[in-house]
Amino acid sequence: MRHSMYLVHIHLWASSACGRLPHTTAADIAGHAEDCEGLLHVSVHPEPEDHPVVGVYLRAVSLAEAEAAAVRLWQLAQTALPSLVGWTLLRAEVPLLPQALPNPPPEPST
């Protein structure tokens, strides 16, 4: 099977009691991801503070498998890292990039 590279955004939420994601979150997640086949890179977008996004670049055979792998990665990291315990996974999805559409819809006229 042919693998493609996907960027999956892991959208998080936390109560104000959690504060911010630690600045080491991307490295911490990558360090606990040995079992996550296909992981290439992890980045964190910490804003807004209570709804940060973890970006996961990975190789998978399909979009659905990439999103499922990102959820498994998050669950593995959250179990291993006390700093992630209070965070709730809202969704893990490949973002739609308008420039990737073959024929973007026309802009509405004013």
N, C-alpha and C. Protein backbone atom coordinates (compact mmCIF):
# COMPACT_ATOMS: atom_id res chain seq x y z
N MET A 1 0.84 -1.19 0.00
CA MET A 1 0.00 0.00 0.00
C MET A 1 0.88 1.25 0.00
N ARG A 2 0.40 2.24 -0.66
CA ARG A 2 1.14 3.50 -0.77
C ARG A 2 0.74 4.43 0.38
N HIS A 3 1.74 4.96 1.05
CA HIS A 3 1.51 5.91 2.14
C HIS A 3 1.66 7.33 1.63
N SER A 4 0.83 8.22 2.13
CA SER A 4 0.92 9.65 1.84
C SER A 4 1.20 10.37 3.14
N MET A 5 1.68 11.61 3.03
CA MET A 5 1.90 12.41 4.22
C MET A 5 0.66 13.26 4.49
N TYR A 6 0.27 13.31 5.75
CA TYR A 6 -0.89 14.09 6.17
C TYR A 6 -0.50 14.99 7.33
N LEU A 7 -1.14 16.14 7.38
CA LEU A 7 -1.08 17.02 8.54
C LEU A 7 -2.43 16.89 9.23
N VAL A 8 -2.42 16.44 10.47
CA VAL A 8 -3.65 16.31 11.25
C VAL A 8 -3.58 17.32 12.38
N HIS A 9 -4.63 18.11 12.54
CA HIS A 9 -4.73 19.04 13.65
C HIS A 9 -5.50 18.37 14.78
N ILE A 10 -4.89 18.35 15.94
CA ILE A 10 -5.52 17.84 17.16
C ILE A 10 -6.00 19.07 17.94
N HIS A 11 -7.30 19.28 17.97
CA HIS A 11 -7.88 20.44 18.66
C HIS A 11 -8.16 20.06 20.10
N LEU A 12 -7.69 20.92 21.01
CA LEU A 12 -7.80 20.64 22.44
C LEU A 12 -8.60 21.72 23.15
N TRP A 13 -9.07 21.37 24.32
CA TRP A 13 -9.75 22.32 25.19
C TRP A 13 -9.37 21.99 26.62
N ALA A 14 -9.28 23.02 27.44
CA ALA A 14 -9.01 22.82 28.86
C ALA A 14 -9.69 23.90 29.67
N SER A 15 -10.04 23.55 30.88
CA SER A 15 -10.56 24.56 31.79
C SER A 15 -9.42 25.50 32.17
N SER A 16 -9.75 26.61 32.75
CA SER A 16 -8.72 27.59 33.11
C SER A 16 -7.73 27.03 34.12
N ALA A 17 -8.09 25.96 34.82
CA ALA A 17 -7.20 25.38 35.82
C ALA A 17 -5.95 24.76 35.19
N CYS A 18 -6.01 24.42 33.90
CA CYS A 18 -4.86 23.78 33.24
C CYS A 18 -3.78 24.78 32.84
N GLY A 19 -4.13 26.03 32.69
CA GLY A 19 -3.14 27.00 32.23
C GLY A 19 -2.82 26.79 30.77
N ARG A 20 -1.57 26.99 30.40
CA ARG A 20 -1.12 26.84 29.01
C ARG A 20 -0.47 25.47 28.83
N LEU A 21 -0.44 25.03 27.58
CA LEU A 21 0.36 23.84 27.29
C LEU A 21 1.82 24.20 27.53
N PRO A 22 2.59 23.31 28.14
CA PRO A 22 4.01 23.60 28.36
C PRO A 22 4.74 23.81 27.02
N HIS A 23 5.76 24.64 27.02
CA HIS A 23 6.50 24.92 25.79
C HIS A 23 7.22 23.69 25.25
N THR A 24 7.35 22.65 26.06
CA THR A 24 8.01 21.41 25.63
C THR A 24 7.03 20.37 25.08
N THR A 25 5.77 20.75 24.91
CA THR A 25 4.74 19.77 24.53
C THR A 25 5.05 19.03 23.23
N ALA A 26 5.47 19.72 22.18
CA ALA A 26 5.76 19.06 20.91
C ALA A 26 6.87 18.02 21.08
N ALA A 27 7.96 18.41 21.72
CA ALA A 27 9.07 17.48 21.94
C ALA A 27 8.66 16.33 22.86
N ASP A 28 7.87 16.64 23.88
CA ASP A 28 7.41 15.60 24.80
C ASP A 28 6.54 14.57 24.08
N ILE A 29 5.62 15.04 23.24
CA ILE A 29 4.76 14.12 22.49
C ILE A 29 5.60 13.27 21.55
N ALA A 30 6.50 13.90 20.80
CA ALA A 30 7.35 13.15 19.87
C ALA A 30 8.21 12.12 20.61
N GLY A 31 8.66 12.47 21.79
CA GLY A 31 9.49 11.56 22.57
C GLY A 31 8.77 10.34 23.09
N HIS A 32 7.46 10.42 23.19
CA HIS A 32 6.66 9.29 23.67
C HIS A 32 5.93 8.60 22.53
N ALA A 33 6.36 8.83 21.31
CA ALA A 33 5.62 8.35 20.15
C ALA A 33 6.30 7.20 19.41
N GLU A 34 7.18 6.49 20.07
CA GLU A 34 7.87 5.41 19.38
C GLU A 34 6.90 4.40 18.78
N ASP A 35 5.77 4.19 19.43
CA ASP A 35 4.80 3.21 18.95
C ASP A 35 3.88 3.76 17.87
N CYS A 36 3.99 5.03 17.56
CA CYS A 36 3.12 5.64 16.55
C CYS A 36 3.83 5.59 15.20
N GLU A 37 3.56 4.54 14.47
CA GLU A 37 4.20 4.37 13.16
C GLU A 37 3.80 5.49 12.22
N GLY A 38 4.77 6.01 11.53
CA GLY A 38 4.51 7.03 10.53
C GLY A 38 4.67 8.46 11.01
N LEU A 39 4.92 8.67 12.29
CA LEU A 39 5.06 10.04 12.80
C LEU A 39 6.32 10.69 12.23
N LEU A 40 6.15 11.89 11.68
CA LEU A 40 7.27 12.63 11.10
C LEU A 40 7.64 13.86 11.92
N HIS A 41 6.63 14.57 12.44
CA HIS A 41 6.89 15.84 13.12
C HIS A 41 5.68 16.23 13.95
N VAL A 42 5.93 16.94 15.05
CA VAL A 42 4.86 17.47 15.90
C VAL A 42 5.12 18.95 16.11
N SER A 43 4.08 19.77 15.99
CA SER A 43 4.20 21.20 16.31
C SER A 43 2.99 21.60 17.15
N VAL A 44 3.15 22.68 17.90
CA VAL A 44 2.07 23.15 18.77
C VAL A 44 1.77 24.59 18.46
N HIS A 45 0.50 24.88 18.30
CA HIS A 45 0.01 26.25 18.12
C HIS A 45 -0.73 26.59 19.41
N PRO A 46 -0.08 27.31 20.35
CA PRO A 46 -0.63 27.49 21.69
C PRO A 46 -1.77 28.49 21.82
N GLU A 47 -2.07 29.23 20.80
CA GLU A 47 -3.13 30.23 20.89
C GLU A 47 -4.36 29.78 20.13
N PRO A 48 -5.54 30.06 20.60
CA PRO A 48 -5.82 30.66 21.90
C PRO A 48 -5.48 29.70 23.04
N GLU A 49 -5.16 30.28 24.16
CA GLU A 49 -4.63 29.54 25.30
C GLU A 49 -5.51 28.36 25.72
N ASP A 50 -6.84 28.53 25.67
CA ASP A 50 -7.72 27.45 26.13
C ASP A 50 -8.16 26.51 25.00
N HIS A 51 -7.74 26.77 23.76
CA HIS A 51 -8.06 25.91 22.61
C HIS A 51 -6.84 25.75 21.69
N PRO A 52 -5.72 25.26 22.23
CA PRO A 52 -4.53 25.11 21.37
C PRO A 52 -4.73 23.98 20.36
N VAL A 53 -3.86 23.95 19.38
CA VAL A 53 -3.89 22.92 18.35
C VAL A 53 -2.51 22.28 18.27
N VAL A 54 -2.50 20.96 18.27
CA VAL A 54 -1.26 20.21 18.06
C VAL A 54 -1.28 19.72 16.62
N GLY A 55 -0.28 20.10 15.86
CA GLY A 55 -0.18 19.66 14.47
C GLY A 55 0.72 18.44 14.39
N VAL A 56 0.20 17.38 13.77
CA VAL A 56 0.94 16.13 13.66
C VAL A 56 1.11 15.80 12.18
N TYR A 57 2.36 15.69 11.74
CA TYR A 57 2.65 15.27 10.38
C TYR A 57 2.98 13.79 10.43
N LEU A 58 2.24 12.99 9.64
CA LEU A 58 2.51 11.56 9.64
C LEU A 58 2.20 10.94 8.30
N ARG A 59 2.74 9.75 8.10
CA ARG A 59 2.46 8.99 6.89
C ARG A 59 1.40 7.95 7.21
N ALA A 60 0.42 7.81 6.30
CA ALA A 60 -0.65 6.83 6.48
C ALA A 60 -1.20 6.45 5.11
N VAL A 61 -1.96 5.37 5.07
CA VAL A 61 -2.51 4.90 3.80
C VAL A 61 -3.76 5.66 3.39
N SER A 62 -4.40 6.35 4.35
CA SER A 62 -5.61 7.11 4.03
C SER A 62 -5.80 8.25 5.02
N LEU A 63 -6.65 9.18 4.65
CA LEU A 63 -6.97 10.29 5.54
C LEU A 63 -7.57 9.78 6.84
N ALA A 64 -8.49 8.83 6.76
CA ALA A 64 -9.13 8.29 7.96
C ALA A 64 -8.10 7.64 8.88
N GLU A 65 -7.16 6.89 8.30
CA GLU A 65 -6.13 6.25 9.11
C GLU A 65 -5.21 7.30 9.74
N ALA A 66 -4.91 8.37 9.03
CA ALA A 66 -4.08 9.44 9.59
C ALA A 66 -4.76 10.08 10.79
N GLU A 67 -6.04 10.37 10.66
CA GLU A 67 -6.78 10.97 11.78
C GLU A 67 -6.85 10.01 12.97
N ALA A 68 -7.08 8.73 12.70
CA ALA A 68 -7.12 7.74 13.78
C ALA A 68 -5.76 7.60 14.45
N ALA A 69 -4.69 7.64 13.67
CA ALA A 69 -3.34 7.56 14.24
C ALA A 69 -3.04 8.77 15.12
N ALA A 70 -3.52 9.93 14.72
CA ALA A 70 -3.31 11.14 15.54
C ALA A 70 -4.04 11.02 16.87
N VAL A 71 -5.24 10.45 16.86
CA VAL A 71 -5.98 10.25 18.12
C VAL A 71 -5.21 9.27 19.01
N ARG A 72 -4.72 8.18 18.43
CA ARG A 72 -3.94 7.21 19.22
C ARG A 72 -2.68 7.86 19.79
N LEU A 73 -2.02 8.68 18.98
CA LEU A 73 -0.83 9.39 19.45
C LEU A 73 -1.17 10.28 20.64
N TRP A 74 -2.25 11.05 20.53
CA TRP A 74 -2.66 11.92 21.62
C TRP A 74 -2.95 11.11 22.89
N GLN A 75 -3.68 10.01 22.74
CA GLN A 75 -4.02 9.19 23.90
C GLN A 75 -2.77 8.61 24.56
N LEU A 76 -1.82 8.17 23.75
CA LEU A 76 -0.56 7.65 24.28
C LEU A 76 0.19 8.74 25.05
N ALA A 77 0.30 9.92 24.44
CA ALA A 77 1.01 11.03 25.08
C ALA A 77 0.31 11.47 26.36
N GLN A 78 -1.01 11.56 26.32
CA GLN A 78 -1.75 12.02 27.49
C GLN A 78 -1.61 11.05 28.66
N THR A 79 -1.53 9.76 28.36
CA THR A 79 -1.33 8.76 29.41
C THR A 79 0.06 8.87 30.02
N ALA A 80 1.06 9.18 29.19
CA ALA A 80 2.45 9.21 29.64
C ALA A 80 2.87 10.53 30.25
N LEU A 81 2.20 11.62 29.90
CA LEU A 81 2.66 12.95 30.30
C LEU A 81 1.67 13.61 31.26
N PRO A 82 2.03 13.78 32.52
CA PRO A 82 1.13 14.40 33.49
C PRO A 82 0.68 15.81 33.08
N SER A 83 1.50 16.53 32.33
CA SER A 83 1.14 17.90 31.93
C SER A 83 -0.04 17.94 30.96
N LEU A 84 -0.43 16.80 30.38
CA LEU A 84 -1.53 16.77 29.41
C LEU A 84 -2.82 16.20 29.98
N VAL A 85 -2.80 15.80 31.25
CA VAL A 85 -3.95 15.11 31.84
C VAL A 85 -5.24 15.93 31.78
N GLY A 86 -5.21 17.21 32.03
CA GLY A 86 -6.43 18.01 32.09
C GLY A 86 -6.97 18.45 30.75
N TRP A 87 -6.32 18.11 29.67
CA TRP A 87 -6.72 18.56 28.34
C TRP A 87 -7.69 17.58 27.71
N THR A 88 -8.72 18.12 27.05
CA THR A 88 -9.73 17.30 26.39
C THR A 88 -9.54 17.37 24.88
N LEU A 89 -9.53 16.22 24.24
CA LEU A 89 -9.45 16.15 22.78
C LEU A 89 -10.83 16.49 22.22
N LEU A 90 -10.91 17.58 21.46
CA LEU A 90 -12.17 17.96 20.83
C LEU A 90 -12.36 17.24 19.50
N ARG A 91 -11.31 17.22 18.69
CA ARG A 91 -11.35 16.54 17.39
C ARG A 91 -9.94 16.45 16.84
N ALA A 92 -9.76 15.50 15.95
CA ALA A 92 -8.49 15.35 15.23
C ALA A 92 -8.86 15.22 13.76
N GLU A 93 -8.45 16.21 12.97
CA GLU A 93 -8.85 16.20 11.57
C GLU A 93 -7.81 16.86 10.68
N VAL A 94 -7.79 16.40 9.44
CA VAL A 94 -6.94 17.03 8.44
C VAL A 94 -7.62 18.33 8.04
N PRO A 95 -6.92 19.46 8.14
CA PRO A 95 -7.55 20.74 7.79
C PRO A 95 -7.76 20.85 6.27
N LEU A 96 -8.85 21.47 5.90
CA LEU A 96 -9.12 21.73 4.50
C LEU A 96 -8.34 22.97 4.09
N LEU A 97 -7.51 22.83 3.10
CA LEU A 97 -6.69 23.94 2.63
C LEU A 97 -7.26 24.43 1.30
N PRO A 98 -7.82 25.63 1.25
CA PRO A 98 -8.45 26.12 0.02
C PRO A 98 -7.56 26.06 -1.21
N GLN A 99 -6.27 26.33 -1.05
CA GLN A 99 -5.38 26.32 -2.20
C GLN A 99 -5.18 24.91 -2.75
N ALA A 100 -5.58 23.89 -2.00
CA ALA A 100 -5.44 22.51 -2.47
C ALA A 100 -6.62 22.08 -3.33
N LEU A 101 -7.68 22.86 -3.35
CA LEU A 101 -8.84 22.52 -4.16
C LEU A 101 -8.53 22.73 -5.64
N PRO A 102 -8.96 21.80 -6.51
CA PRO A 102 -8.63 21.95 -7.92
C PRO A 102 -9.29 23.17 -8.57
N ASN A 103 -10.51 23.45 -8.22
CA ASN A 103 -11.24 24.59 -8.77
C ASN A 103 -11.95 25.32 -7.64
N PRO A 104 -11.25 26.23 -6.97
CA PRO A 104 -11.90 26.92 -5.86
C PRO A 104 -13.12 27.70 -6.34
N PRO A 105 -14.12 27.79 -5.47
CA PRO A 105 -15.32 28.53 -5.87
C PRO A 105 -14.99 30.00 -6.10
N PRO A 106 -15.72 30.65 -7.01
CA PRO A 106 -15.45 32.07 -7.26
C PRO A 106 -15.81 32.91 -6.04
N GLU A 107 -15.12 34.01 -5.91
CA GLU A 107 -15.40 34.96 -4.85
C GLU A 107 -16.75 35.62 -5.12
N PRO A 108 -17.56 35.83 -4.10
CA PRO A 108 -18.84 36.51 -4.33
C PRO A 108 -18.62 37.95 -4.78
N SER A 109 -19.42 38.39 -5.70
CA SER A 109 -19.30 39.77 -6.19
C SER A 109 -20.07 40.69 -5.25
N THR A 110 -19.59 41.89 -5.14
CA THR A 110 -20.25 42.87 -4.25
C THR A 110 -20.95 43.93 -5.05
